[in-house]
Amino acid sequence: MKLAIDCALVGLGGMLGSVSRYLLCLLSMKFCTNFPLGTLLVNVIGSFIIGILGEIASSEAGLHPHLKLALISGFCGGFTTMSSFAAESGELVKAGAHFHAFSNVLLTLALCFSALWLGALLARWKFS
């Protein structure tokens, strides 16, 4: 029974995360069509959220295990996307847009790690 509940929570969170990613990517295409801005944004935002939630989960305040599953594994797992990042970077290379491909890889790594760190720092400050 516990496994069924856990799977339902992850599935519900994942569905909400995936739909949110899709909508944000659609919106980003109105502003930028030659660079995978949507994927960059979801990965940076997701890293920030995971930084906050991870810090809260390990703090005294804690995070209920069901909420942790639904938000971190479910929502953030469905919202962020390594596979799209890799595929879009590969497509940029194939198209000869090496600068955009390199920029995408560099920005994603730098901004995601920075967002993770910033989210954790914010949560640590708020929940300490």
N, C-alpha and C. Protein backbone atom coordinates (compact mmCIF):
# COMPACT_ATOMS: atom_id res chain seq x y z
N MET A 1 0.82 -1.20 0.00
CA MET A 1 0.00 0.00 0.00
C MET A 1 0.87 1.27 0.00
N LYS A 2 1.95 1.24 0.82
CA LYS A 2 2.83 2.41 0.88
C LYS A 2 3.45 2.69 -0.49
N LEU A 3 3.87 1.65 -1.18
CA LEU A 3 4.46 1.82 -2.51
C LEU A 3 3.47 2.44 -3.48
N ALA A 4 2.22 2.03 -3.41
CA ALA A 4 1.19 2.57 -4.30
C ALA A 4 0.98 4.07 -4.03
N ILE A 5 0.96 4.44 -2.76
CA ILE A 5 0.81 5.86 -2.40
C ILE A 5 2.01 6.66 -2.87
N ASP A 6 3.21 6.13 -2.62
CA ASP A 6 4.43 6.81 -3.05
C ASP A 6 4.44 6.99 -4.57
N CYS A 7 4.08 5.97 -5.30
CA CYS A 7 4.05 6.04 -6.76
C CYS A 7 3.02 7.06 -7.24
N ALA A 8 1.88 7.11 -6.58
CA ALA A 8 0.85 8.08 -6.95
C ALA A 8 1.34 9.51 -6.71
N LEU A 9 2.03 9.72 -5.60
CA LEU A 9 2.55 11.05 -5.29
C LEU A 9 3.61 11.49 -6.30
N VAL A 10 4.51 10.58 -6.62
CA VAL A 10 5.55 10.89 -7.62
C VAL A 10 4.90 11.13 -8.97
N GLY A 11 3.92 10.31 -9.33
CA GLY A 11 3.23 10.45 -10.62
C GLY A 11 2.48 11.76 -10.72
N LEU A 12 1.77 12.14 -9.68
CA LEU A 12 1.03 13.41 -9.69
C LEU A 12 1.99 14.59 -9.78
N GLY A 13 3.04 14.54 -8.96
CA GLY A 13 4.04 15.62 -9.02
C GLY A 13 4.71 15.67 -10.38
N GLY A 14 5.03 14.51 -10.94
CA GLY A 14 5.67 14.45 -12.26
C GLY A 14 4.78 15.00 -13.36
N MET A 15 3.49 14.69 -13.28
CA MET A 15 2.56 15.22 -14.27
C MET A 15 2.52 16.75 -14.20
N LEU A 16 2.41 17.28 -13.00
CA LEU A 16 2.37 18.74 -12.85
C LEU A 16 3.68 19.38 -13.30
N GLY A 17 4.80 18.74 -13.00
CA GLY A 17 6.09 19.26 -13.43
C GLY A 17 6.24 19.22 -14.94
N SER A 18 5.83 18.13 -15.56
CA SER A 18 5.94 18.01 -17.02
C SER A 18 5.07 19.01 -17.75
N VAL A 19 3.85 19.19 -17.27
CA VAL A 19 2.95 20.17 -17.88
C VAL A 19 3.50 21.58 -17.69
N SER A 20 4.03 21.86 -16.50
CA SER A 20 4.63 23.18 -16.26
C SER A 20 5.82 23.42 -17.18
N ARG A 21 6.65 22.39 -17.37
CA ARG A 21 7.80 22.51 -18.28
C ARG A 21 7.32 22.80 -19.70
N TYR A 22 6.33 22.06 -20.16
CA TYR A 22 5.80 22.24 -21.50
C TYR A 22 5.30 23.67 -21.70
N LEU A 23 4.54 24.17 -20.74
CA LEU A 23 3.98 25.52 -20.87
C LEU A 23 5.07 26.59 -20.84
N LEU A 24 6.05 26.43 -19.97
CA LEU A 24 7.15 27.40 -19.91
C LEU A 24 7.97 27.37 -21.20
N CYS A 25 8.20 26.19 -21.74
CA CYS A 25 8.94 26.09 -23.00
C CYS A 25 8.17 26.73 -24.15
N LEU A 26 6.85 26.52 -24.18
CA LEU A 26 6.03 27.18 -25.21
C LEU A 26 6.13 28.70 -25.09
N LEU A 27 6.02 29.19 -23.89
CA LEU A 27 6.11 30.63 -23.65
C LEU A 27 7.47 31.17 -24.07
N SER A 28 8.53 30.45 -23.77
CA SER A 28 9.87 30.94 -24.09
C SER A 28 10.10 31.02 -25.59
N MET A 29 9.41 30.17 -26.37
CA MET A 29 9.59 30.20 -27.83
C MET A 29 9.06 31.49 -28.45
N LYS A 30 8.22 32.21 -27.72
CA LYS A 30 7.74 33.51 -28.21
C LYS A 30 8.85 34.56 -28.16
N PHE A 31 9.86 34.30 -27.33
CA PHE A 31 10.93 35.26 -27.13
C PHE A 31 12.24 34.85 -27.79
N CYS A 32 12.44 33.55 -27.96
CA CYS A 32 13.71 33.07 -28.47
C CYS A 32 13.50 31.77 -29.23
N THR A 33 13.82 31.78 -30.52
CA THR A 33 13.60 30.58 -31.33
C THR A 33 14.90 29.89 -31.75
N ASN A 34 16.02 30.55 -31.63
CA ASN A 34 17.27 29.94 -32.10
C ASN A 34 18.17 29.44 -30.96
N PHE A 35 17.61 29.40 -29.75
CA PHE A 35 18.35 28.93 -28.59
C PHE A 35 17.35 28.24 -27.66
N PRO A 36 17.71 27.11 -27.05
CA PRO A 36 16.77 26.37 -26.19
C PRO A 36 16.57 27.05 -24.82
N LEU A 37 16.02 28.24 -24.86
CA LEU A 37 15.83 29.04 -23.65
C LEU A 37 14.90 28.35 -22.65
N GLY A 38 13.83 27.75 -23.15
CA GLY A 38 12.87 27.09 -22.26
C GLY A 38 13.51 26.00 -21.42
N THR A 39 14.30 25.16 -22.07
CA THR A 39 14.97 24.08 -21.35
C THR A 39 15.98 24.63 -20.34
N LEU A 40 16.69 25.67 -20.73
CA LEU A 40 17.62 26.31 -19.81
C LEU A 40 16.86 26.85 -18.59
N LEU A 41 15.74 27.53 -18.84
CA LEU A 41 14.97 28.10 -17.74
C LEU A 41 14.43 27.03 -16.79
N VAL A 42 13.85 25.96 -17.34
CA VAL A 42 13.29 24.94 -16.45
C VAL A 42 14.39 24.26 -15.63
N ASN A 43 15.55 24.06 -16.23
CA ASN A 43 16.63 23.42 -15.48
C ASN A 43 17.18 24.33 -14.38
N VAL A 44 17.27 25.62 -14.66
CA VAL A 44 17.76 26.56 -13.64
C VAL A 44 16.71 26.73 -12.53
N ILE A 45 15.46 26.92 -12.90
CA ILE A 45 14.39 27.06 -11.90
C ILE A 45 14.27 25.79 -11.07
N GLY A 46 14.31 24.64 -11.75
CA GLY A 46 14.22 23.37 -11.04
C GLY A 46 15.38 23.17 -10.08
N SER A 47 16.58 23.56 -10.48
CA SER A 47 17.75 23.45 -9.60
C SER A 47 17.58 24.34 -8.37
N PHE A 48 17.03 25.52 -8.57
CA PHE A 48 16.78 26.44 -7.46
C PHE A 48 15.77 25.82 -6.48
N ILE A 49 14.69 25.27 -7.03
CA ILE A 49 13.66 24.65 -6.19
C ILE A 49 14.23 23.45 -5.43
N ILE A 50 15.03 22.63 -6.12
CA ILE A 50 15.64 21.47 -5.46
C ILE A 50 16.60 21.92 -4.37
N GLY A 51 17.32 23.02 -4.59
CA GLY A 51 18.20 23.55 -3.56
C GLY A 51 17.43 23.94 -2.32
N ILE A 52 16.31 24.61 -2.51
CA ILE A 52 15.46 25.01 -1.37
C ILE A 52 14.90 23.77 -0.67
N LEU A 53 14.27 22.89 -1.44
CA LEU A 53 13.61 21.73 -0.85
C LEU A 53 14.60 20.77 -0.18
N GLY A 54 15.75 20.59 -0.80
CA GLY A 54 16.77 19.71 -0.21
C GLY A 54 17.25 20.25 1.12
N GLU A 55 17.42 21.54 1.20
CA GLU A 55 17.88 22.16 2.46
C GLU A 55 16.79 22.07 3.52
N ILE A 56 15.54 22.31 3.13
CA ILE A 56 14.43 22.19 4.08
C ILE A 56 14.32 20.75 4.58
N ALA A 57 14.44 19.81 3.66
CA ALA A 57 14.31 18.39 4.03
C ALA A 57 15.37 17.97 5.05
N SER A 58 16.56 18.56 4.96
CA SER A 58 17.63 18.17 5.89
C SER A 58 17.69 19.07 7.13
N SER A 59 16.80 20.04 7.22
CA SER A 59 16.78 20.94 8.38
C SER A 59 15.91 20.35 9.50
N GLU A 60 15.91 21.03 10.62
CA GLU A 60 15.05 20.61 11.73
C GLU A 60 13.58 20.72 11.35
N ALA A 61 13.25 21.71 10.53
CA ALA A 61 11.86 21.88 10.10
C ALA A 61 11.40 20.65 9.34
N GLY A 62 12.32 20.09 8.57
CA GLY A 62 12.04 18.87 7.82
C GLY A 62 11.03 19.08 6.71
N LEU A 63 10.77 18.01 6.01
CA LEU A 63 9.80 18.00 4.92
C LEU A 63 9.13 16.63 5.00
N HIS A 64 7.83 16.61 5.09
CA HIS A 64 7.12 15.34 5.20
C HIS A 64 7.57 14.44 4.05
N PRO A 65 7.82 13.16 4.33
CA PRO A 65 8.29 12.25 3.27
C PRO A 65 7.40 12.22 2.03
N HIS A 66 6.08 12.32 2.23
CA HIS A 66 5.18 12.33 1.08
C HIS A 66 5.35 13.61 0.26
N LEU A 67 5.51 14.72 0.94
CA LEU A 67 5.72 15.99 0.25
C LEU A 67 7.06 15.99 -0.48
N LYS A 68 8.07 15.43 0.16
CA LYS A 68 9.39 15.34 -0.47
C LYS A 68 9.31 14.51 -1.76
N LEU A 69 8.64 13.39 -1.72
CA LEU A 69 8.47 12.55 -2.92
C LEU A 69 7.73 13.30 -4.02
N ALA A 70 6.62 13.93 -3.65
CA ALA A 70 5.79 14.62 -4.65
C ALA A 70 6.52 15.81 -5.27
N LEU A 71 7.25 16.56 -4.45
CA LEU A 71 7.89 17.78 -4.95
C LEU A 71 9.26 17.54 -5.60
N ILE A 72 10.13 16.79 -4.94
CA ILE A 72 11.49 16.62 -5.46
C ILE A 72 11.52 15.56 -6.56
N SER A 73 11.12 14.33 -6.23
CA SER A 73 11.16 13.26 -7.24
C SER A 73 10.10 13.48 -8.32
N GLY A 74 8.91 13.89 -7.90
CA GLY A 74 7.81 14.06 -8.85
C GLY A 74 7.89 15.35 -9.64
N PHE A 75 7.56 16.47 -8.99
CA PHE A 75 7.48 17.74 -9.71
C PHE A 75 8.82 18.12 -10.34
N CYS A 76 9.88 18.18 -9.54
CA CYS A 76 11.18 18.61 -10.09
C CYS A 76 11.71 17.60 -11.10
N GLY A 77 11.46 16.31 -10.86
CA GLY A 77 11.87 15.30 -11.83
C GLY A 77 11.16 15.45 -13.16
N GLY A 78 9.88 15.81 -13.12
CA GLY A 78 9.13 16.03 -14.36
C GLY A 78 9.40 17.39 -14.98
N PHE A 79 9.73 18.36 -14.15
CA PHE A 79 9.94 19.73 -14.62
C PHE A 79 11.30 19.90 -15.29
N THR A 80 12.35 19.39 -14.66
CA THR A 80 13.69 19.54 -15.24
C THR A 80 13.93 18.44 -16.27
N THR A 81 14.90 18.68 -17.14
CA THR A 81 15.09 17.72 -18.22
C THR A 81 16.52 17.69 -18.74
N MET A 82 17.23 16.65 -18.38
CA MET A 82 18.58 16.46 -18.88
C MET A 82 18.54 15.96 -20.33
N SER A 83 17.55 15.12 -20.63
CA SER A 83 17.50 14.55 -21.98
C SER A 83 17.23 15.63 -23.03
N SER A 84 16.34 16.57 -22.75
CA SER A 84 16.09 17.66 -23.70
C SER A 84 17.32 18.55 -23.84
N PHE A 85 17.98 18.81 -22.72
CA PHE A 85 19.20 19.60 -22.74
C PHE A 85 20.24 18.96 -23.66
N ALA A 86 20.46 17.66 -23.50
CA ALA A 86 21.45 16.95 -24.32
C ALA A 86 21.03 16.93 -25.79
N ALA A 87 19.75 16.64 -26.04
CA ALA A 87 19.27 16.56 -27.42
C ALA A 87 19.35 17.92 -28.12
N GLU A 88 18.94 18.97 -27.44
CA GLU A 88 18.97 20.30 -28.06
C GLU A 88 20.40 20.78 -28.29
N SER A 89 21.28 20.48 -27.37
CA SER A 89 22.69 20.84 -27.57
C SER A 89 23.26 20.08 -28.76
N GLY A 90 22.92 18.81 -28.87
CA GLY A 90 23.35 18.00 -30.01
C GLY A 90 22.81 18.51 -31.33
N GLU A 91 21.57 18.93 -31.34
CA GLU A 91 20.96 19.49 -32.56
C GLU A 91 21.65 20.79 -32.97
N LEU A 92 22.03 21.59 -32.00
CA LEU A 92 22.76 22.83 -32.31
C LEU A 92 24.11 22.51 -32.95
N VAL A 93 24.78 21.50 -32.45
CA VAL A 93 26.07 21.09 -33.03
C VAL A 93 25.85 20.60 -34.46
N LYS A 94 24.84 19.75 -34.67
CA LYS A 94 24.54 19.24 -36.01
C LYS A 94 24.23 20.36 -36.99
N ALA A 95 23.58 21.40 -36.49
CA ALA A 95 23.19 22.54 -37.34
C ALA A 95 24.37 23.49 -37.56
N GLY A 96 25.51 23.20 -36.95
CA GLY A 96 26.67 24.06 -37.12
C GLY A 96 26.67 25.28 -36.21
N ALA A 97 25.72 25.32 -35.26
CA ALA A 97 25.63 26.45 -34.33
C ALA A 97 26.46 26.13 -33.09
N HIS A 98 27.76 26.01 -33.31
CA HIS A 98 28.66 25.60 -32.24
C HIS A 98 28.70 26.59 -31.08
N PHE A 99 28.64 27.86 -31.38
CA PHE A 99 28.64 28.86 -30.32
C PHE A 99 27.41 28.70 -29.44
N HIS A 100 26.24 28.54 -30.06
CA HIS A 100 25.01 28.36 -29.29
C HIS A 100 25.06 27.06 -28.48
N ALA A 101 25.59 26.00 -29.05
CA ALA A 101 25.69 24.72 -28.34
C ALA A 101 26.60 24.87 -27.13
N PHE A 102 27.78 25.46 -27.34
CA PHE A 102 28.73 25.66 -26.25
C PHE A 102 28.13 26.57 -25.17
N SER A 103 27.46 27.63 -25.61
CA SER A 103 26.83 28.55 -24.67
C SER A 103 25.76 27.84 -23.85
N ASN A 104 24.98 27.00 -24.51
CA ASN A 104 23.93 26.26 -23.81
C ASN A 104 24.52 25.36 -22.73
N VAL A 105 25.56 24.63 -23.07
CA VAL A 105 26.19 23.72 -22.10
C VAL A 105 26.79 24.52 -20.95
N LEU A 106 27.54 25.55 -21.27
CA LEU A 106 28.19 26.34 -20.23
C LEU A 106 27.16 27.04 -19.33
N LEU A 107 26.17 27.68 -19.95
CA LEU A 107 25.15 28.38 -19.16
C LEU A 107 24.36 27.42 -18.29
N THR A 108 23.99 26.28 -18.85
CA THR A 108 23.21 25.31 -18.07
C THR A 108 23.98 24.86 -16.84
N LEU A 109 25.23 24.46 -17.03
CA LEU A 109 26.02 24.00 -15.88
C LEU A 109 26.23 25.11 -14.85
N ALA A 110 26.66 26.26 -15.32
CA ALA A 110 26.96 27.36 -14.39
C ALA A 110 25.70 27.85 -13.68
N LEU A 111 24.64 28.06 -14.43
CA LEU A 111 23.42 28.61 -13.82
C LEU A 111 22.70 27.59 -12.94
N CYS A 112 22.69 26.32 -13.33
CA CYS A 112 22.02 25.31 -12.51
C CYS A 112 22.74 25.10 -11.18
N PHE A 113 24.06 25.01 -11.21
CA PHE A 113 24.79 24.86 -9.95
C PHE A 113 24.64 26.12 -9.09
N SER A 114 24.66 27.28 -9.71
CA SER A 114 24.48 28.52 -8.96
C SER A 114 23.09 28.60 -8.36
N ALA A 115 22.07 28.20 -9.13
CA ALA A 115 20.70 28.23 -8.63
C ALA A 115 20.51 27.24 -7.48
N LEU A 116 21.09 26.07 -7.60
CA LEU A 116 21.03 25.07 -6.54
C LEU A 116 21.64 25.62 -5.26
N TRP A 117 22.82 26.19 -5.39
CA TRP A 117 23.53 26.77 -4.25
C TRP A 117 22.73 27.93 -3.64
N LEU A 118 22.19 28.80 -4.49
CA LEU A 118 21.43 29.95 -4.02
C LEU A 118 20.14 29.51 -3.31
N GLY A 119 19.47 28.51 -3.88
CA GLY A 119 18.26 27.99 -3.24
C GLY A 119 18.56 27.40 -1.87
N ALA A 120 19.64 26.63 -1.78
CA ALA A 120 20.03 26.04 -0.50
C ALA A 120 20.41 27.13 0.50
N LEU A 121 21.12 28.14 0.04
CA LEU A 121 21.52 29.24 0.90
C LEU A 121 20.29 29.99 1.42
N LEU A 122 19.34 30.24 0.54
CA LEU A 122 18.11 30.94 0.93
C LEU A 122 17.33 30.12 1.97
N ALA A 123 17.20 28.83 1.72
CA ALA A 123 16.48 27.98 2.67
C ALA A 123 17.21 27.88 3.99
N ARG A 124 18.52 27.77 3.95
CA ARG A 124 19.32 27.70 5.17
C ARG A 124 19.13 28.97 6.00
N TRP A 125 19.11 30.10 5.33
CA TRP A 125 18.93 31.38 6.00
C TRP A 125 17.52 31.47 6.61
N LYS A 126 16.53 31.02 5.84
CA LYS A 126 15.14 31.12 6.28
C LYS A 126 14.79 30.12 7.37
N PHE A 127 15.36 28.91 7.31
CA PHE A 127 14.97 27.84 8.21
C PHE A 127 15.99 27.54 9.31
N SER A 128 16.99 28.39 9.44
CA SER A 128 18.00 28.16 10.51
C SER A 128 17.71 28.99 11.72
